[in-house]
Amino acid sequence: MTVQDQTSDREGELEPSQIHNVLRNDRRRHVIRHLRDEGGPISVDTLAEHIATVETGESPPPRDVRKSVYVSLHQTHLPKLDELGIVDYDQREQVLELRDRAEEVEVYMEVVSEDNISWATYYLG
């Protein structure tokens, strides 16, 4: 296999820096986890409510926190995840769902149960 063949094999994959950029933000990790747990499309309102609840520990979360989460999801996090092909975000309908490419990121979110550390940390060691 030539270097050119190896490059074309990796062409559709996310770069390590892109994966790191996704995972370094708590809200983006919450988006991926919640969508995986739900197993289907959800509304941005539902997602914002969930993340605000997780962040504050209050149910229902305060309205201003819920609104702040919604705005950051809509303006920053969901478009970024959509651009990378991790989620399918329909801005007009305000609905999103995971795409197959999310698996490239999720593997680094897994936890090794024995030591309660992430796979990324485990492999680094």
PDB file of N, CA and C in Angstrom:
ATOM      1  N   MET A   1       0.846  -1.175   0.000  1.00  0.00           N
ATOM      2  CA  MET A   1       0.000   0.000   0.000  1.00  0.00           C
ATOM      3  C   MET A   1       0.895   1.243   0.000  1.00  0.00           C
ATOM      4  N   THR A   2       0.630   2.157  -0.871  1.00  0.00           N
ATOM      5  CA  THR A   2       1.425   3.378  -0.954  1.00  0.00           C
ATOM      6  C   THR A   2       0.911   4.407   0.026  1.00  0.00           C
ATOM      7  N   VAL A   3       1.686   5.466   0.206  1.00  0.00           N
ATOM      8  CA  VAL A   3       1.264   6.567   1.077  1.00  0.00           C
ATOM      9  C   VAL A   3      -0.036   7.161   0.564  1.00  0.00           C
ATOM     10  N   GLN A   4      -0.169   7.266  -0.753  1.00  0.00           N
ATOM     11  CA  GLN A   4      -1.388   7.819  -1.344  1.00  0.00           C
ATOM     12  C   GLN A   4      -2.591   6.938  -1.019  1.00  0.00           C
ATOM     13  N   ASP A   5      -2.420   5.602  -1.077  1.00  0.00           N
ATOM     14  CA  ASP A   5      -3.506   4.686  -0.723  1.00  0.00           C
ATOM     15  C   ASP A   5      -3.910   4.857   0.733  1.00  0.00           C
ATOM     16  N   GLN A   6      -2.932   5.021   1.631  1.00  0.00           N
ATOM     17  CA  GLN A   6      -3.235   5.209   3.046  1.00  0.00           C
ATOM     18  C   GLN A   6      -3.999   6.504   3.266  1.00  0.00           C
ATOM     19  N   THR A   7      -3.640   7.543   2.536  1.00  0.00           N
ATOM     20  CA  THR A   7      -4.325   8.822   2.665  1.00  0.00           C
ATOM     21  C   THR A   7      -5.781   8.696   2.251  1.00  0.00           C
ATOM     22  N   SER A   8      -6.036   8.004   1.147  1.00  0.00           N
ATOM     23  CA  SER A   8      -7.415   7.884   0.684  1.00  0.00           C
ATOM     24  C   SER A   8      -8.246   7.021   1.627  1.00  0.00           C
ATOM     25  N   ASP A   9      -7.622   6.043   2.321  1.00  0.00           N
ATOM     26  CA  ASP A   9      -8.349   5.227   3.290  1.00  0.00           C
ATOM     27  C   ASP A   9      -8.846   6.071   4.462  1.00  0.00           C
ATOM     28  N   ARG A  10      -8.094   7.084   4.839  1.00  0.00           N
ATOM     29  CA  ARG A  10      -8.430   7.907   5.988  1.00  0.00           C
ATOM     30  C   ARG A  10      -9.274   9.118   5.599  1.00  0.00           C
ATOM     31  N   GLU A  11      -9.529   9.288   4.315  1.00  0.00           N
ATOM     32  CA  GLU A  11     -10.160  10.507   3.826  1.00  0.00           C
ATOM     33  C   GLU A  11     -11.480  10.840   4.516  1.00  0.00           C
ATOM     34  N   GLY A  12     -12.312   9.889   4.806  1.00  0.00           N
ATOM     35  CA  GLY A  12     -13.613  10.172   5.392  1.00  0.00           C
ATOM     36  C   GLY A  12     -13.619  10.292   6.899  1.00  0.00           C
ATOM     37  N   GLU A  13     -12.498  10.069   7.551  1.00  0.00           N
ATOM     38  CA  GLU A  13     -12.455  10.066   9.007  1.00  0.00           C
ATOM     39  C   GLU A  13     -12.171  11.446   9.568  1.00  0.00           C
ATOM     40  N   LEU A  14     -12.618  11.644  10.789  1.00  0.00           N
ATOM     41  CA  LEU A  14     -12.309  12.888  11.488  1.00  0.00           C
ATOM     42  C   LEU A  14     -10.839  12.904  11.877  1.00  0.00           C
ATOM     43  N   GLU A  15     -10.249  14.068  11.826  1.00  0.00           N
ATOM     44  CA  GLU A  15      -8.869  14.230  12.270  1.00  0.00           C
ATOM     45  C   GLU A  15      -8.830  14.187  13.799  1.00  0.00           C
ATOM     46  N   PRO A  16      -7.730  13.736  14.388  1.00  0.00           N
ATOM     47  CA  PRO A  16      -7.621  13.734  15.856  1.00  0.00           C
ATOM     48  C   PRO A  16      -7.880  15.108  16.476  1.00  0.00           C
ATOM     49  N   SER A  17      -7.434  16.164  15.817  1.00  0.00           N
ATOM     50  CA  SER A  17      -7.666  17.515  16.355  1.00  0.00           C
ATOM     51  C   SER A  17      -9.153  17.868  16.352  1.00  0.00           C
ATOM     52  N   GLN A  18      -9.891  17.384  15.350  1.00  0.00           N
ATOM     53  CA  GLN A  18     -11.334  17.632  15.312  1.00  0.00           C
ATOM     54  C   GLN A  18     -12.036  16.881  16.439  1.00  0.00           C
ATOM     55  N   ILE A  19     -11.631  15.647  16.677  1.00  0.00           N
ATOM     56  CA  ILE A  19     -12.213  14.853  17.765  1.00  0.00           C
ATOM     57  C   ILE A  19     -11.916  15.516  19.098  1.00  0.00           C
ATOM     58  N   HIS A  20     -10.682  15.949  19.278  1.00  0.00           N
ATOM     59  CA  HIS A  20     -10.306  16.638  20.519  1.00  0.00           C
ATOM     60  C   HIS A  20     -11.136  17.909  20.710  1.00  0.00           C
ATOM     61  N   ASN A  21     -11.324  18.659  19.646  1.00  0.00           N
ATOM     62  CA  ASN A  21     -12.106  19.889  19.719  1.00  0.00           C
ATOM     63  C   ASN A  21     -13.558  19.605  20.129  1.00  0.00           C
ATOM     64  N   VAL A  22     -14.125  18.533  19.625  1.00  0.00           N
ATOM     65  CA  VAL A  22     -15.495  18.153  20.004  1.00  0.00           C
ATOM     66  C   VAL A  22     -15.544  17.769  21.477  1.00  0.00           C
ATOM     67  N   LEU A  23     -14.613  16.943  21.908  1.00  0.00           N
ATOM     68  CA  LEU A  23     -14.658  16.379  23.251  1.00  0.00           C
ATOM     69  C   LEU A  23     -14.230  17.338  24.352  1.00  0.00           C
ATOM     70  N   ARG A  24     -13.568  18.404  24.009  1.00  0.00           N
ATOM     71  CA  ARG A  24     -13.109  19.318  25.063  1.00  0.00           C
ATOM     72  C   ARG A  24     -14.223  20.217  25.595  1.00  0.00           C
ATOM     73  N   ASN A  25     -15.405  20.145  24.995  1.00  0.00           N
ATOM     74  CA  ASN A  25     -16.520  20.959  25.458  1.00  0.00           C
ATOM     75  C   ASN A  25     -17.589  20.079  26.102  1.00  0.00           C
ATOM     76  N   ASP A  26     -17.952  20.399  27.350  1.00  0.00           N
ATOM     77  CA  ASP A  26     -18.947  19.602  28.083  1.00  0.00           C
ATOM     78  C   ASP A  26     -20.278  19.521  27.351  1.00  0.00           C
ATOM     79  N   ARG A  27     -20.744  20.628  26.818  1.00  0.00           N
ATOM     80  CA  ARG A  27     -22.061  20.617  26.165  1.00  0.00           C
ATOM     81  C   ARG A  27     -22.069  19.735  24.929  1.00  0.00           C
ATOM     82  N   ARG A  28     -21.001  19.735  24.169  1.00  0.00           N
ATOM     83  CA  ARG A  28     -20.961  18.858  22.993  1.00  0.00           C
ATOM     84  C   ARG A  28     -20.948  17.390  23.423  1.00  0.00           C
ATOM     85  N   ARG A  29     -20.231  17.081  24.504  1.00  0.00           N
ATOM     86  CA  ARG A  29     -20.252  15.695  25.011  1.00  0.00           C
ATOM     87  C   ARG A  29     -21.651  15.326  25.491  1.00  0.00           C
ATOM     88  N   HIS A  30     -22.335  16.254  26.181  1.00  0.00           N
ATOM     89  CA  HIS A  30     -23.706  16.000  26.634  1.00  0.00           C
ATOM     90  C   HIS A  30     -24.641  15.752  25.450  1.00  0.00           C
ATOM     91  N   VAL A  31     -24.464  16.508  24.376  1.00  0.00           N
ATOM     92  CA  VAL A  31     -25.296  16.325  23.182  1.00  0.00           C
ATOM     93  C   VAL A  31     -25.147  14.903  22.670  1.00  0.00           C
ATOM     94  N   ILE A  32     -23.926  14.469  22.496  1.00  0.00           N
ATOM     95  CA  ILE A  32     -23.678  13.130  21.939  1.00  0.00           C
ATOM     96  C   ILE A  32     -24.216  12.049  22.859  1.00  0.00           C
ATOM     97  N   ARG A  33     -23.958  12.159  24.162  1.00  0.00           N
ATOM     98  CA  ARG A  33     -24.456  11.152  25.114  1.00  0.00           C
ATOM     99  C   ARG A  33     -25.980  11.084  25.118  1.00  0.00           C
ATOM    100  N   HIS A  34     -26.613  12.253  25.175  1.00  0.00           N
ATOM    101  CA  HIS A  34     -28.076  12.264  25.270  1.00  0.00           C
ATOM    102  C   HIS A  34     -28.717  11.726  23.997  1.00  0.00           C
ATOM    103  N   LEU A  35     -28.187  12.092  22.853  1.00  0.00           N
ATOM    104  CA  LEU A  35     -28.724  11.563  21.601  1.00  0.00           C
ATOM    105  C   LEU A  35     -28.532  10.054  21.526  1.00  0.00           C
ATOM    106  N   ARG A  36     -27.400   9.564  21.967  1.00  0.00           N
ATOM    107  CA  ARG A  36     -27.158   8.121  21.984  1.00  0.00           C
ATOM    108  C   ARG A  36     -28.156   7.428  22.912  1.00  0.00           C
ATOM    109  N   ASP A  37     -28.368   8.011  24.092  1.00  0.00           N
ATOM    110  CA  ASP A  37     -29.290   7.416  25.058  1.00  0.00           C
ATOM    111  C   ASP A  37     -30.728   7.425  24.554  1.00  0.00           C
ATOM    112  N   GLU A  38     -31.119   8.483  23.859  1.00  0.00           N
ATOM    113  CA  GLU A  38     -32.495   8.594  23.351  1.00  0.00           C
ATOM    114  C   GLU A  38     -32.730   7.686  22.153  1.00  0.00           C
ATOM    115  N   GLY A  39     -31.713   7.478  21.351  1.00  0.00           N
ATOM    116  CA  GLY A  39     -31.824   6.554  20.229  1.00  0.00           C
ATOM    117  C   GLY A  39     -32.629   7.045  19.052  1.00  0.00           C
ATOM    118  N   GLY A  40     -32.972   8.299  19.003  1.00  0.00           N
ATOM    119  CA  GLY A  40     -33.729   8.826  17.872  1.00  0.00           C
ATOM    120  C   GLY A  40     -33.683  10.326  17.852  1.00  0.00           C
ATOM    121  N   PRO A  41     -34.370  10.920  16.905  1.00  0.00           N
ATOM    122  CA  PRO A  41     -34.365  12.383  16.811  1.00  0.00           C
ATOM    123  C   PRO A  41     -35.006  13.030  18.043  1.00  0.00           C
ATOM    124  N   ILE A  42     -34.453  14.180  18.448  1.00  0.00           N
ATOM    125  CA  ILE A  42     -35.043  14.955  19.537  1.00  0.00           C
ATOM    126  C   ILE A  42     -35.032  16.429  19.166  1.00  0.00           C
ATOM    127  N   SER A  43     -35.840  17.184  19.866  1.00  0.00           N
ATOM    128  CA  SER A  43     -35.899  18.624  19.611  1.00  0.00           C
ATOM    129  C   SER A  43     -34.785  19.332  20.377  1.00  0.00           C
ATOM    130  N   VAL A  44     -34.411  20.494  19.879  1.00  0.00           N
ATOM    131  CA  VAL A  44     -33.387  21.294  20.551  1.00  0.00           C
ATOM    132  C   VAL A  44     -33.900  21.733  21.916  1.00  0.00           C
ATOM    133  N   ASP A  45     -35.198  22.023  22.026  1.00  0.00           N
ATOM    134  CA  ASP A  45     -35.773  22.401  23.323  1.00  0.00           C
ATOM    135  C   ASP A  45     -35.584  21.298  24.361  1.00  0.00           C
ATOM    136  N   THR A  46     -35.882  20.072  23.974  1.00  0.00           N
ATOM    137  CA  THR A  46     -35.732  18.929  24.873  1.00  0.00           C
ATOM    138  C   THR A  46     -34.278  18.757  25.281  1.00  0.00           C
ATOM    139  N   LEU A  47     -33.385  18.880  24.315  1.00  0.00           N
ATOM    140  CA  LEU A  47     -31.961  18.753  24.590  1.00  0.00           C
ATOM    141  C   LEU A  47     -31.477  19.856  25.526  1.00  0.00           C
ATOM    142  N   ALA A  48     -31.890  21.089  25.275  1.00  0.00           N
ATOM    143  CA  ALA A  48     -31.482  22.214  26.123  1.00  0.00           C
ATOM    144  C   ALA A  48     -31.985  22.019  27.548  1.00  0.00           C
ATOM    145  N   GLU A  49     -33.206  21.556  27.689  1.00  0.00           N
ATOM    146  CA  GLU A  49     -33.779  21.278  29.017  1.00  0.00           C
ATOM    147  C   GLU A  49     -32.938  20.232  29.748  1.00  0.00           C
ATOM    148  N   HIS A  50     -32.588  19.160  29.042  1.00  0.00           N
ATOM    149  CA  HIS A  50     -31.787  18.095  29.649  1.00  0.00           C
ATOM    150  C   HIS A  50     -30.417  18.609  30.093  1.00  0.00           C
ATOM    151  N   ILE A  51     -29.726  19.316  29.213  1.00  0.00           N
ATOM    152  CA  ILE A  51     -28.380  19.797  29.535  1.00  0.00           C
ATOM    153  C   ILE A  51     -28.429  20.810  30.674  1.00  0.00           C
ATOM    154  N   ALA A  52     -29.414  21.690  30.670  1.00  0.00           N
ATOM    155  CA  ALA A  52     -29.553  22.666  31.760  1.00  0.00           C
ATOM    156  C   ALA A  52     -29.802  21.951  33.092  1.00  0.00           C
ATOM    157  N   THR A  53     -30.581  20.883  33.064  1.00  0.00           N
ATOM    158  CA  THR A  53     -30.839  20.093  34.270  1.00  0.00           C
ATOM    159  C   THR A  53     -29.541  19.453  34.769  1.00  0.00           C
ATOM    160  N   VAL A  54     -28.767  18.888  33.865  1.00  0.00           N
ATOM    161  CA  VAL A  54     -27.497  18.262  34.233  1.00  0.00           C
ATOM    162  C   VAL A  54     -26.541  19.299  34.818  1.00  0.00           C
ATOM    163  N   GLU A  55     -26.459  20.457  34.185  1.00  0.00           N
ATOM    164  CA  GLU A  55     -25.517  21.485  34.622  1.00  0.00           C
ATOM    165  C   GLU A  55     -25.882  22.111  35.968  1.00  0.00           C
ATOM    166  N   THR A  56     -27.180  22.275  36.210  1.00  0.00           N
ATOM    167  CA  THR A  56     -27.595  22.940  37.451  1.00  0.00           C
ATOM    168  C   THR A  56     -27.966  21.966  38.556  1.00  0.00           C
ATOM    169  N   GLY A  57     -28.342  20.746  38.192  1.00  0.00           N
ATOM    170  CA  GLY A  57     -28.814  19.793  39.179  1.00  0.00           C
ATOM    171  C   GLY A  57     -30.235  20.090  39.627  1.00  0.00           C
ATOM    172  N   GLU A  58     -30.902  21.007  38.954  1.00  0.00           N
ATOM    173  CA  GLU A  58     -32.270  21.381  39.296  1.00  0.00           C
ATOM    174  C   GLU A  58     -33.227  20.913  38.210  1.00  0.00           C
ATOM    175  N   SER A  59     -34.390  20.410  38.654  1.00  0.00           N
ATOM    176  CA  SER A  59     -35.406  19.988  37.701  1.00  0.00           C
ATOM    177  C   SER A  59     -36.756  20.557  38.114  1.00  0.00           C
ATOM    178  N   PRO A  60     -37.320  21.424  37.344  1.00  0.00           N
ATOM    179  CA  PRO A  60     -36.801  21.963  36.097  1.00  0.00           C
ATOM    180  C   PRO A  60     -35.700  22.986  36.358  1.00  0.00           C
ATOM    181  N   PRO A  61     -34.815  23.150  35.375  1.00  0.00           N
ATOM    182  CA  PRO A  61     -33.732  24.121  35.553  1.00  0.00           C
ATOM    183  C   PRO A  61     -34.265  25.548  35.451  1.00  0.00           C
ATOM    184  N   PRO A  62     -33.529  26.507  36.001  1.00  0.00           N
ATOM    185  CA  PRO A  62     -33.951  27.907  35.882  1.00  0.00           C
ATOM    186  C   PRO A  62     -34.084  28.318  34.409  1.00  0.00           C
ATOM    187  N   ARG A  63     -35.066  29.142  34.160  1.00  0.00           N
ATOM    188  CA  ARG A  63     -35.373  29.552  32.787  1.00  0.00           C
ATOM    189  C   ARG A  63     -34.186  30.221  32.098  1.00  0.00           C
ATOM    190  N   ASP A  64     -33.458  31.086  32.814  1.00  0.00           N
ATOM    191  CA  ASP A  64     -32.332  31.785  32.195  1.00  0.00           C
ATOM    192  C   ASP A  64     -31.210  30.815  31.808  1.00  0.00           C
ATOM    193  N   VAL A  65     -30.997  29.776  32.597  1.00  0.00           N
ATOM    194  CA  VAL A  65     -29.982  28.777  32.264  1.00  0.00           C
ATOM    195  C   VAL A  65     -30.426  27.983  31.049  1.00  0.00           C
ATOM    196  N   ARG A  66     -31.683  27.578  31.034  1.00  0.00           N
ATOM    197  CA  ARG A  66     -32.233  26.826  29.898  1.00  0.00           C
ATOM    198  C   ARG A  66     -32.087  27.637  28.607  1.00  0.00           C
ATOM    199  N   LYS A  67     -32.381  28.938  28.686  1.00  0.00           N
ATOM    200  CA  LYS A  67     -32.282  29.800  27.508  1.00  0.00           C
ATOM    201  C   LYS A  67     -30.823  29.939  27.068  1.00  0.00           C
ATOM    202  N   SER A  68     -29.920  30.098  28.016  1.00  0.00           N
ATOM    203  CA  SER A  68     -28.497  30.210  27.707  1.00  0.00           C
ATOM    204  C   SER A  68     -27.990  28.946  27.017  1.00  0.00           C
ATOM    205  N   VAL A  69     -28.387  27.795  27.521  1.00  0.00           N
ATOM    206  CA  VAL A  69     -27.986  26.522  26.919  1.00  0.00           C
ATOM    207  C   VAL A  69     -28.553  26.423  25.506  1.00  0.00           C
ATOM    208  N   TYR A  70     -29.819  26.761  25.342  1.00  0.00           N
ATOM    209  CA  TYR A  70     -30.463  26.700  24.028  1.00  0.00           C
ATOM    210  C   TYR A  70     -29.710  27.564  23.013  1.00  0.00           C
ATOM    211  N   VAL A  71     -29.401  28.793  23.395  1.00  0.00           N
ATOM    212  CA  VAL A  71     -28.728  29.726  22.487  1.00  0.00           C
ATOM    213  C   VAL A  71     -27.343  29.198  22.102  1.00  0.00           C
ATOM    214  N   SER A  72     -26.584  28.708  23.085  1.00  0.00           N
ATOM    215  CA  SER A  72     -25.249  28.203  22.761  1.00  0.00           C
ATOM    216  C   SER A  72     -25.316  26.952  21.888  1.00  0.00           C
ATOM    217  N   LEU A  73     -26.305  26.096  22.124  1.00  0.00           N
ATOM    218  CA  LEU A  73     -26.475  24.923  21.274  1.00  0.00           C
ATOM    219  C   LEU A  73     -26.798  25.339  19.847  1.00  0.00           C
ATOM    220  N   HIS A  74     -27.789  26.217  19.706  1.00  0.00           N
ATOM    221  CA  HIS A  74     -28.281  26.626  18.392  1.00  0.00           C
ATOM    222  C   HIS A  74     -27.230  27.405  17.594  1.00  0.00           C
ATOM    223  N   GLN A  75     -26.503  28.288  18.258  1.00  0.00           N
ATOM    224  CA  GLN A  75     -25.577  29.153  17.541  1.00  0.00           C
ATOM    225  C   GLN A  75     -24.177  28.565  17.368  1.00  0.00           C
ATOM    226  N   THR A  76     -23.761  27.691  18.271  1.00  0.00           N
ATOM    227  CA  THR A  76     -22.373  27.235  18.247  1.00  0.00           C
ATOM    228  C   THR A  76     -22.222  25.723  18.119  1.00  0.00           C
ATOM    229  N   HIS A  77     -22.711  25.002  19.115  1.00  0.00           N
ATOM    230  CA  HIS A  77     -22.386  23.585  19.236  1.00  0.00           C
ATOM    231  C   HIS A  77     -23.048  22.699  18.182  1.00  0.00           C
ATOM    232  N   LEU A  78     -24.333  22.880  17.936  1.00  0.00           N
ATOM    233  CA  LEU A  78     -25.017  22.012  16.973  1.00  0.00           C
ATOM    234  C   LEU A  78     -24.554  22.257  15.543  1.00  0.00           C
ATOM    235  N   PRO A  79     -24.356  23.519  15.115  1.00  0.00           N
ATOM    236  CA  PRO A  79     -23.802  23.718  13.766  1.00  0.00           C
ATOM    237  C   PRO A  79     -22.415  23.086  13.599  1.00  0.00           C
ATOM    238  N   LYS A  80     -21.587  23.153  14.635  1.00  0.00           N
ATOM    239  CA  LYS A  80     -20.246  22.559  14.574  1.00  0.00           C
ATOM    240  C   LYS A  80     -20.358  21.040  14.436  1.00  0.00           C
ATOM    241  N   LEU A  81     -21.213  20.410  15.261  1.00  0.00           N
ATOM    242  CA  LEU A  81     -21.388  18.961  15.192  1.00  0.00           C
ATOM    243  C   LEU A  81     -21.998  18.543  13.861  1.00  0.00           C
ATOM    244  N   ASP A  82     -22.884  19.365  13.312  1.00  0.00           N
ATOM    245  CA  ASP A  82     -23.490  19.092  12.016  1.00  0.00           C
ATOM    246  C   ASP A  82     -22.448  19.202  10.904  1.00  0.00           C
ATOM    247  N   GLU A  83     -21.634  20.229  10.959  1.00  0.00           N
ATOM    248  CA  GLU A  83     -20.589  20.445   9.956  1.00  0.00           C
ATOM    249  C   GLU A  83     -19.603  19.275   9.912  1.00  0.00           C
ATOM    250  N   LEU A  84     -19.304  18.705  11.073  1.00  0.00           N
ATOM    251  CA  LEU A  84     -18.381  17.580  11.152  1.00  0.00           C
ATOM    252  C   LEU A  84     -19.042  16.244  10.811  1.00  0.00           C
ATOM    253  N   GLY A  85     -20.371  16.256  10.627  1.00  0.00           N
ATOM    254  CA  GLY A  85     -21.083  15.031  10.280  1.00  0.00           C
ATOM    255  C   GLY A  85     -21.379  14.132  11.461  1.00  0.00           C
ATOM    256  N   ILE A  86     -21.319  14.679  12.672  1.00  0.00           N
ATOM    257  CA  ILE A  86     -21.576  13.900  13.881  1.00  0.00           C
ATOM    258  C   ILE A  86     -23.073  13.851  14.184  1.00  0.00           C
ATOM    259  N   VAL A  87     -23.761  14.954  13.939  1.00  0.00           N
ATOM    260  CA  VAL A  87     -25.212  15.000  14.081  1.00  0.00           C
ATOM    261  C   VAL A  87     -25.825  15.533  12.794  1.00  0.00           C
ATOM    262  N   ASP A  88     -27.081  15.261  12.629  1.00  0.00           N
ATOM    263  CA  ASP A  88     -27.867  15.852  11.546  1.00  0.00           C
ATOM    264  C   ASP A  88     -28.773  16.869  12.215  1.00  0.00           C
ATOM    265  N   TYR A  89     -28.506  18.140  11.996  1.00  0.00           N
ATOM    266  CA  TYR A  89     -29.230  19.221  12.668  1.00  0.00           C
ATOM    267  C   TYR A  89     -30.062  19.987  11.661  1.00  0.00           C
ATOM    268  N   ASP A  90     -31.372  19.873  11.784  1.00  0.00           N
ATOM    269  CA  ASP A  90     -32.302  20.617  10.943  1.00  0.00           C
ATOM    270  C   ASP A  90     -32.676  21.895  11.685  1.00  0.00           C
ATOM    271  N   GLN A  91     -32.033  22.998  11.330  1.00  0.00           N
ATOM    272  CA  GLN A  91     -32.248  24.263  12.036  1.00  0.00           C
ATOM    273  C   GLN A  91     -33.673  24.772  11.870  1.00  0.00           C
ATOM    274  N   ARG A  92     -34.252  24.534  10.726  1.00  0.00           N
ATOM    275  CA  ARG A  92     -35.619  25.016  10.487  1.00  0.00           C
ATOM    276  C   ARG A  92     -36.629  24.287  11.374  1.00  0.00           C
ATOM    277  N   GLU A  93     -36.487  22.980  11.474  1.00  0.00           N
ATOM    278  CA  GLU A  93     -37.407  22.168  12.281  1.00  0.00           C
ATOM    279  C   GLU A  93     -36.978  22.079  13.744  1.00  0.00           C
ATOM    280  N   GLN A  94     -35.742  22.506  14.038  1.00  0.00           N
ATOM    281  CA  GLN A  94     -35.190  22.456  15.392  1.00  0.00           C
ATOM    282  C   GLN A  94     -35.147  21.027  15.938  1.00  0.00           C
ATOM    283  N   VAL A  95     -34.700  20.098  15.085  1.00  0.00           N
ATOM    284  CA  VAL A  95     -34.614  18.683  15.441  1.00  0.00           C
ATOM    285  C   VAL A  95     -33.228  18.174  15.046  1.00  0.00           C
ATOM    286  N   LEU A  96     -32.704  17.255  15.847  1.00  0.00           N
ATOM    287  CA  LEU A  96     -31.414  16.677  15.520  1.00  0.00           C
ATOM    288  C   LEU A  96     -31.371  15.210  15.895  1.00  0.00           C
ATOM    289  N   GLU A  97     -30.411  14.510  15.271  1.00  0.00           N
ATOM    290  CA  GLU A  97     -30.167  13.111  15.599  1.00  0.00           C
ATOM    291  C   GLU A  97     -28.718  12.768  15.281  1.00  0.00           C
ATOM    292  N   LEU A  98     -28.236  11.700  15.913  1.00  0.00           N
ATOM    293  CA  LEU A  98     -26.865  11.254  15.676  1.00  0.00           C
ATOM    294  C   LEU A  98     -26.725  10.666  14.286  1.00  0.00           C
ATOM    295  N   ARG A  99     -25.548  10.834  13.727  1.00  0.00           N
ATOM    296  CA  ARG A  99     -25.197  10.197  12.469  1.00  0.00           C
ATOM    297  C   ARG A  99     -24.153   9.113  12.769  1.00  0.00           C
ATOM    298  N   ASP A 100     -23.892   8.267  11.808  1.00  0.00           N
ATOM    299  CA  ASP A 100     -22.949   7.162  12.000  1.00  0.00           C
ATOM    300  C   ASP A 100     -21.563   7.639  12.408  1.00  0.00           C
ATOM    301  N   ARG A 101     -21.175   8.796  11.933  1.00  0.00           N
ATOM    302  CA  ARG A 101     -19.832   9.316  12.220  1.00  0.00           C
ATOM    303  C   ARG A 101     -19.625   9.585  13.721  1.00  0.00           C
ATOM    304  N   ALA A 102     -20.691   9.680  14.491  1.00  0.00           N
ATOM    305  CA  ALA A 102     -20.578   9.913  15.938  1.00  0.00           C
ATOM    306  C   ALA A 102     -19.759   8.813  16.610  1.00  0.00           C
ATOM    307  N   GLU A 103     -19.769   7.628  16.023  1.00  0.00           N
ATOM    308  CA  GLU A 103     -19.011   6.510  16.600  1.00  0.00           C
ATOM    309  C   GLU A 103     -17.522   6.821  16.671  1.00  0.00           C
ATOM    310  N   GLU A 104     -17.014   7.644  15.738  1.00  0.00           N
ATOM    311  CA  GLU A 104     -15.597   8.012  15.746  1.00  0.00           C
ATOM    312  C   GLU A 104     -15.246   8.808  17.001  1.00  0.00           C
ATOM    313  N   VAL A 105     -16.212   9.541  17.532  1.00  0.00           N
ATOM    314  CA  VAL A 105     -16.003  10.354  18.726  1.00  0.00           C
ATOM    315  C   VAL A 105     -16.367   9.567  19.981  1.00  0.00           C
ATOM    316  N   GLU A 106     -17.443   8.797  19.904  1.00  0.00           N
ATOM    317  CA  GLU A 106     -17.946   8.069  21.072  1.00  0.00           C
ATOM    318  C   GLU A 106     -16.931   7.101  21.652  1.00  0.00           C
ATOM    319  N   VAL A 107     -16.083   6.523  20.823  1.00  0.00           N
ATOM    320  CA  VAL A 107     -15.103   5.571  21.331  1.00  0.00           C
ATOM    321  C   VAL A 107     -14.198   6.230  22.368  1.00  0.00           C
ATOM    322  N   TYR A 108     -13.969   7.524  22.258  1.00  0.00           N
ATOM    323  CA  TYR A 108     -13.130   8.238  23.219  1.00  0.00           C
ATOM    324  C   TYR A 108     -13.917   8.689  24.449  1.00  0.00           C
ATOM    325  N   MET A 109     -15.226   8.518  24.418  1.00  0.00           N
ATOM    326  CA  MET A 109     -16.069   8.878  25.551  1.00  0.00           C
ATOM    327  C   MET A 109     -16.363   7.674  26.437  1.00  0.00           C
ATOM    328  N   GLU A 110     -16.063   6.483  25.938  1.00  0.00           N
ATOM    329  CA  GLU A 110     -16.323   5.265  26.697  1.00  0.00           C
ATOM    330  C   GLU A 110     -15.472   5.244  27.960  1.00  0.00           C
ATOM    331  N   VAL A 111     -15.940   4.529  28.957  1.00  0.00           N
ATOM    332  CA  VAL A 111     -15.215   4.414  30.220  1.00  0.00           C
ATOM    333  C   VAL A 111     -14.821   2.967  30.437  1.00  0.00           C
ATOM    334  N   VAL A 112     -13.573   2.757  30.817  1.00  0.00           N
ATOM    335  CA  VAL A 112     -13.106   1.425  31.175  1.00  0.00           C
ATOM    336  C   VAL A 112     -13.603   1.183  32.592  1.00  0.00           C
ATOM    337  N   SER A 113     -14.570   0.283  32.746  1.00  0.00           N
ATOM    338  CA  SER A 113     -15.261   0.113  34.027  1.00  0.00           C
ATOM    339  C   SER A 113     -14.333  -0.284  35.168  1.00  0.00           C
ATOM    340  N   GLU A 114     -13.319  -1.050  34.890  1.00  0.00           N
ATOM    341  CA  GLU A 114     -12.437  -1.543  35.942  1.00  0.00           C
ATOM    342  C   GLU A 114     -11.781  -0.401  36.728  1.00  0.00           C
ATOM    343  N   ASP A 115     -11.309   0.610  36.014  1.00  0.00           N
ATOM    344  CA  ASP A 115     -10.616   1.718  36.664  1.00  0.00           C
ATOM    345  C   ASP A 115     -11.386   3.030  36.591  1.00  0.00           C
ATOM    346  N   ASN A 116     -12.535   3.020  35.944  1.00  0.00           N
ATOM    347  CA  ASN A 116     -13.374   4.207  35.778  1.00  0.00           C
ATOM    348  C   ASN A 116     -12.620   5.360  35.108  1.00  0.00           C
ATOM    349  N   ILE A 117     -11.864   5.003  34.057  1.00  0.00           N
ATOM    350  CA  ILE A 117     -11.174   6.017  33.270  1.00  0.00           C
ATOM    351  C   ILE A 117     -11.644   5.916  31.822  1.00  0.00           C
ATOM    352  N   SER A 118     -11.441   6.964  31.053  1.00  0.00           N
ATOM    353  CA  SER A 118     -11.867   6.942  29.655  1.00  0.00           C
ATOM    354  C   SER A 118     -10.931   6.062  28.832  1.00  0.00           C
ATOM    355  N   TRP A 119     -11.452   5.563  27.699  1.00  0.00           N
ATOM    356  CA  TRP A 119     -10.617   4.771  26.806  1.00  0.00           C
ATOM    357  C   TRP A 119      -9.444   5.604  26.322  1.00  0.00           C
ATOM    358  N   ALA A 120      -9.661   6.870  26.068  1.00  0.00           N
ATOM    359  CA  ALA A 120      -8.589   7.737  25.584  1.00  0.00           C
ATOM    360  C   ALA A 120      -7.433   7.773  26.591  1.00  0.00           C
ATOM    361  N   THR A 121      -7.760   7.911  27.864  1.00  0.00           N
ATOM    362  CA  THR A 121      -6.729   7.908  28.904  1.00  0.00           C
ATOM    363  C   THR A 121      -6.071   6.537  29.030  1.00  0.00           C
ATOM    364  N   TYR A 122      -6.885   5.496  28.932  1.00  0.00           N
ATOM    365  CA  TYR A 122      -6.386   4.127  29.012  1.00  0.00           C
ATOM    366  C   TYR A 122      -5.372   3.851  27.900  1.00  0.00           C
ATOM    367  N   TYR A 123      -5.712   4.223  26.661  1.00  0.00           N
ATOM    368  CA  TYR A 123      -4.807   3.990  25.542  1.00  0.00           C
ATOM    369  C   TYR A 123      -3.558   4.860  25.645  1.00  0.00           C
ATOM    370  N   LEU A 124      -3.693   6.059  26.177  1.00  0.00           N
ATOM    371  CA  LEU A 124      -2.553   6.934  26.336  1.00  0.00           C
ATOM    372  C   LEU A 124      -1.524   6.308  27.262  1.00  0.00           C
ATOM    373  N   GLY A 125      -2.015   5.638  28.322  1.00  0.00           N
ATOM    374  CA  GLY A 125      -1.127   4.982  29.290  1.00  0.00           C
ATOM    375  C   GLY A 125      -0.463   3.805  28.675  1.00  0.00           C
TER     376      GLY A 125
END
